Amino acid sequence: MANELLQTPLFGVGLTLAVYALAQKLYLRTGKILLNPVAISIAAIILLLILCGIPYEVYAQGGRYVLFLLGPSVVALGVPLYRRRQEILARRAPILIGIFAGALTSIVVASGLAWLLGGSREVVLSLAPKSVTTPIAISIVEKIGGIAPLTAALVVLTGCQGAICGPEFCRWIGIRDPAAIGLAVGTASHGIGTARMLEIDRLGGAVAGLAIGLNGLVTAFLLPLLFYSFR
């Protein structure tokens, strides 16, 4: 019976939902930012698969259904965006400038550090789109010759890091405006960071949701242009 369950998509879906529910409960009970439910869920599922000797391919049969829900979840971010549209439109100029600056900085710093540390061409290209959402990042990397699995892992790692440290770092350096914090977190750490911002402030979460789409759009145009210019 157990072997039959492992061979169905229900295993991957059920394991993901169960682990995330427990991680979310732990996060809400403790209130510790280091116990981000996404980061804890990823670590717990990897550990369970290793300890139980379950191949990733078996889990991925159901994992792809969870991945499919990323699309509708991103579209759902349009709800808080619509509700705070007047406040966002009043800040449209700094938001657009900030997203362009953030996208360019993310590409240059990530790729530049990898290049200075002796990374291969493929590694340098794989790091470049780490701050955009996974489907866009993978699509870009496949076009310019990076390593798609490496990029996917870096995107998730960046999102978790931004969700855990982003808002606190902004406040530490003196940024108090929730829209500015949301812009920084959404541009740097896409959906995972945006989910954290929605917990903190609705306006910041709405701006972060807008930053996901616009940063993906800017990076999709900017990165290939930079790649072909300096190739």
Protein backbone atom coordinates (compact mmCIF):
# COMPACT_ATOMS: atom_id res chain seq x y z
CA MET A 1 0.00 0.00 0.00
CA ALA A 2 2.81 2.41 0.94
CA ASN A 3 4.69 1.66 -2.29
CA GLU A 4 1.55 2.27 -4.31
CA LEU A 5 1.06 5.64 -2.60
CA LEU A 6 4.65 6.65 -3.34
CA GLN A 7 4.06 6.11 -7.04
CA THR A 8 1.15 8.56 -7.18
CA PRO A 9 1.20 12.38 -7.29
CA LEU A 10 -0.78 12.35 -4.03
CA PHE A 11 2.43 11.59 -2.11
CA GLY A 12 4.25 14.72 -3.25
CA VAL A 13 1.22 16.98 -2.80
CA GLY A 14 0.33 15.55 0.60
CA LEU A 15 3.89 15.69 1.92
CA THR A 16 4.32 19.29 0.80
CA LEU A 17 1.05 20.48 2.33
CA ALA A 18 1.57 18.59 5.59
CA VAL A 19 5.13 19.82 6.11
CA TYR A 20 4.23 23.41 5.24
CA ALA A 21 1.22 23.38 7.58
CA LEU A 22 3.45 22.22 10.44
CA ALA A 23 6.14 24.78 9.56
CA GLN A 24 3.54 27.57 9.43
CA LYS A 25 2.17 26.53 12.81
CA LEU A 26 5.68 26.55 14.28
CA TYR A 27 6.35 29.99 12.81
CA LEU A 28 3.12 31.49 14.14
CA ARG A 29 3.63 29.99 17.58
CA THR A 30 7.24 31.15 18.00
CA GLY A 31 7.22 34.33 15.92
CA LYS A 32 10.88 33.75 15.05
CA ILE A 33 11.80 35.15 11.64
CA LEU A 34 14.53 32.53 11.27
CA LEU A 35 11.80 29.89 11.23
CA ASN A 36 10.40 31.09 7.92
CA PRO A 37 7.88 28.39 6.90
CA VAL A 38 9.11 28.18 3.30
CA ALA A 39 12.75 27.72 4.35
CA ILE A 40 11.83 25.22 7.07
CA SER A 41 9.58 23.26 4.67
CA ILE A 42 12.32 22.98 2.04
CA ALA A 43 14.87 21.77 4.59
CA ALA A 44 12.41 19.32 6.19
CA ILE A 45 11.31 17.76 2.89
CA ILE A 46 14.91 17.34 1.71
CA LEU A 47 15.82 15.73 5.03
CA LEU A 48 12.80 13.39 4.94
CA LEU A 49 13.54 12.26 1.38
CA ILE A 50 17.18 11.54 2.29
CA LEU A 51 16.40 9.72 5.53
CA CYS A 52 13.64 7.62 3.93
CA GLY A 53 15.66 6.90 0.79
CA ILE A 54 12.94 8.29 -1.48
CA PRO A 55 14.20 9.49 -4.88
CA TYR A 56 13.44 13.09 -5.78
CA GLU A 57 11.73 11.91 -8.97
CA VAL A 58 9.11 10.12 -6.88
CA TYR A 59 8.35 13.25 -4.87
CA ALA A 60 8.36 15.44 -8.01
CA GLN A 61 5.37 13.58 -9.43
CA GLY A 62 3.21 15.54 -7.01
CA GLY A 63 5.56 18.48 -6.60
CA ARG A 64 4.81 19.66 -10.11
CA TYR A 65 1.16 20.16 -9.19
CA VAL A 66 2.20 22.41 -6.33
CA LEU A 67 4.51 24.25 -8.74
CA PHE A 68 1.56 24.80 -11.07
CA LEU A 69 -0.16 26.79 -8.32
CA LEU A 70 2.64 29.38 -8.39
CA GLY A 71 0.96 31.01 -11.37
CA PRO A 72 -2.44 31.61 -9.72
CA SER A 73 -0.75 32.66 -6.47
CA VAL A 74 1.21 35.39 -8.27
CA VAL A 75 -1.95 36.56 -10.07
CA ALA A 76 -3.68 36.75 -6.66
CA LEU A 77 -1.15 39.41 -5.64
CA GLY A 78 -3.12 41.73 -7.92
CA VAL A 79 -5.83 42.00 -5.24
CA PRO A 80 -3.82 44.02 -2.67
CA LEU A 81 -2.25 45.90 -5.57
CA TYR A 82 -5.68 46.98 -6.82
CA ARG A 83 -6.85 47.97 -3.34
CA ARG A 84 -3.84 50.25 -2.78
CA ARG A 85 -3.58 51.48 -6.36
CA GLN A 86 -4.01 55.19 -5.52
CA GLU A 87 -1.16 55.17 -3.02
CA ILE A 88 1.04 53.24 -5.45
CA LEU A 89 0.28 55.58 -8.37
CA ALA A 90 1.28 58.53 -6.20
CA ARG A 91 4.71 56.90 -5.87
CA ARG A 92 5.04 55.66 -9.46
CA ALA A 93 8.24 57.57 -10.35
CA PRO A 94 10.39 56.38 -7.39
CA ILE A 95 8.95 52.87 -7.74
CA LEU A 96 9.96 52.59 -11.40
CA ILE A 97 13.40 54.08 -10.77
CA GLY A 98 13.93 51.83 -7.76
CA ILE A 99 12.98 48.66 -9.65
CA PHE A 100 15.30 49.46 -12.54
CA ALA A 101 18.15 50.28 -10.14
CA GLY A 102 17.46 47.13 -8.13
CA ALA A 103 17.38 44.89 -11.18
CA LEU A 104 20.64 46.31 -12.55
CA THR A 105 22.38 46.15 -9.16
CA SER A 106 21.31 42.55 -8.59
CA ILE A 107 22.67 41.44 -11.96
CA VAL A 108 25.96 43.32 -11.69
CA VAL A 109 26.73 42.43 -8.06
CA ALA A 110 25.84 38.73 -8.27
CA SER A 111 27.56 38.10 -11.59
CA GLY A 112 30.46 40.40 -10.76
CA LEU A 113 31.26 38.65 -7.48
CA ALA A 114 31.07 35.23 -9.13
CA TRP A 115 33.42 36.41 -11.89
CA LEU A 116 35.90 37.96 -9.42
CA LEU A 117 35.95 34.74 -7.40
CA GLY A 118 36.82 32.72 -10.49
CA GLY A 119 33.42 31.25 -11.31
CA SER A 120 32.91 29.65 -14.70
CA ARG A 121 30.95 31.39 -17.42
CA GLU A 122 27.93 29.14 -16.77
CA VAL A 123 27.96 29.89 -13.04
CA VAL A 124 28.24 33.65 -13.64
CA LEU A 125 25.26 33.57 -16.01
CA SER A 126 23.26 31.36 -13.64
CA LEU A 127 23.63 33.89 -10.81
CA ALA A 128 22.49 36.89 -12.82
CA PRO A 129 18.67 36.45 -12.60
CA LYS A 130 18.57 35.21 -8.98
CA SER A 131 16.22 37.99 -7.85
CA VAL A 132 13.36 37.33 -10.28
CA THR A 133 10.64 34.73 -9.90
CA THR A 134 11.55 31.16 -10.83
CA PRO A 135 9.75 30.72 -14.21
CA ILE A 136 11.23 33.96 -15.59
CA ALA A 137 14.70 33.23 -14.19
CA ILE A 138 14.82 29.75 -15.71
CA SER A 139 13.56 31.02 -19.06
CA ILE A 140 16.25 33.72 -19.15
CA VAL A 141 19.06 31.35 -18.16
CA GLU A 142 18.09 28.80 -20.81
CA LYS A 143 18.39 31.54 -23.45
CA ILE A 144 21.81 32.85 -22.38
CA GLY A 145 23.47 29.52 -21.56
CA GLY A 146 23.39 29.21 -17.77
CA ILE A 147 22.55 26.20 -15.58
CA ALA A 148 18.79 26.14 -14.97
CA PRO A 149 18.77 23.88 -11.85
CA LEU A 150 21.44 26.04 -10.21
CA THR A 151 19.44 29.18 -10.97
CA ALA A 152 16.26 27.64 -9.53
CA ALA A 153 18.06 26.81 -6.28
CA LEU A 154 19.59 30.29 -6.07
CA VAL A 155 16.21 31.94 -6.67
CA VAL A 156 14.66 30.02 -3.77
CA LEU A 157 17.68 30.74 -1.54
CA THR A 158 17.51 34.44 -2.38
CA GLY A 159 13.79 34.54 -1.63
CA CYS A 160 14.23 32.86 1.76
CA GLN A 161 17.12 35.13 2.67
CA GLY A 162 15.14 38.23 1.70
CA ALA A 163 12.08 37.10 3.64
CA ILE A 164 14.13 36.43 6.77
CA CYS A 165 16.50 39.41 6.69
CA GLY A 166 15.05 41.97 4.25
CA PRO A 167 12.55 44.00 6.32
CA GLU A 168 14.77 43.98 9.41
CA PHE A 169 17.81 45.07 7.38
CA CYS A 170 15.84 47.96 5.85
CA ARG A 171 14.75 49.17 9.28
CA TRP A 172 18.30 48.74 10.60
CA ILE A 173 19.67 51.15 7.98
CA GLY A 174 16.93 53.68 8.74
CA ILE A 175 14.23 52.93 6.16
CA ARG A 176 10.79 53.20 7.77
CA ASP A 177 8.38 53.77 4.87
CA PRO A 178 6.54 50.45 4.29
CA ALA A 179 6.28 51.16 0.55
CA ALA A 180 10.06 51.59 0.31
CA ILE A 181 10.67 48.41 2.30
CA GLY A 182 8.17 46.50 0.14
CA LEU A 183 9.84 47.79 -3.01
CA ALA A 184 13.26 46.64 -1.84
CA VAL A 185 12.08 43.23 -0.62
CA GLY A 186 9.88 42.52 -3.66
CA THR A 187 12.61 43.52 -6.11
CA ALA A 188 15.31 41.52 -4.36
CA SER A 189 13.44 38.43 -3.16
CA HIS A 190 10.30 38.05 -5.34
CA GLY A 191 7.35 35.95 -4.08
CA ILE A 192 8.79 34.60 -0.83
CA GLY A 193 9.80 38.08 0.31
CA THR A 194 6.44 39.47 -0.79
CA ALA A 195 4.60 36.92 1.34
CA ARG A 196 6.57 38.17 4.35
CA MET A 197 5.76 41.80 3.51
CA LEU A 198 2.04 41.03 3.32
CA GLU A 199 2.28 39.83 6.92
CA ILE A 200 3.93 43.08 7.99
CA ASP A 201 2.10 45.80 6.02
CA ARG A 202 -0.55 45.70 3.29
CA LEU A 203 0.83 48.66 1.36
CA GLY A 204 4.35 47.24 1.53
CA GLY A 205 3.01 43.88 0.37
CA ALA A 206 1.15 45.47 -2.54
CA VAL A 207 4.28 47.34 -3.69
CA ALA A 208 6.34 44.16 -3.32
CA GLY A 209 3.82 42.30 -5.50
CA LEU A 210 4.15 44.98 -8.17
CA ALA A 211 7.94 44.77 -7.92
CA ILE A 212 7.87 41.03 -8.70
CA GLY A 213 6.29 41.57 -12.10
CA LEU A 214 8.18 44.72 -13.06
CA ASN A 215 11.55 43.36 -11.95
CA GLY A 216 10.93 40.20 -13.98
CA LEU A 217 10.05 42.33 -17.00
CA VAL A 218 13.07 44.63 -16.62
CA THR A 219 15.47 41.72 -16.05
CA ALA A 220 14.08 39.78 -19.01
CA PHE A 221 14.99 42.69 -21.30
CA LEU A 222 18.08 43.96 -19.51
CA LEU A 223 20.02 40.74 -18.90
CA PRO A 224 20.09 39.45 -22.52
CA LEU A 225 21.05 42.96 -23.64
CA LEU A 226 23.95 43.08 -21.19
CA PHE A 227 24.94 39.52 -22.09
CA TYR A 228 25.14 40.18 -25.82
CA SER A 229 26.81 43.58 -25.29
CA PHE A 230 29.68 42.17 -23.21
CA ARG A 231 29.92 38.68 -24.70
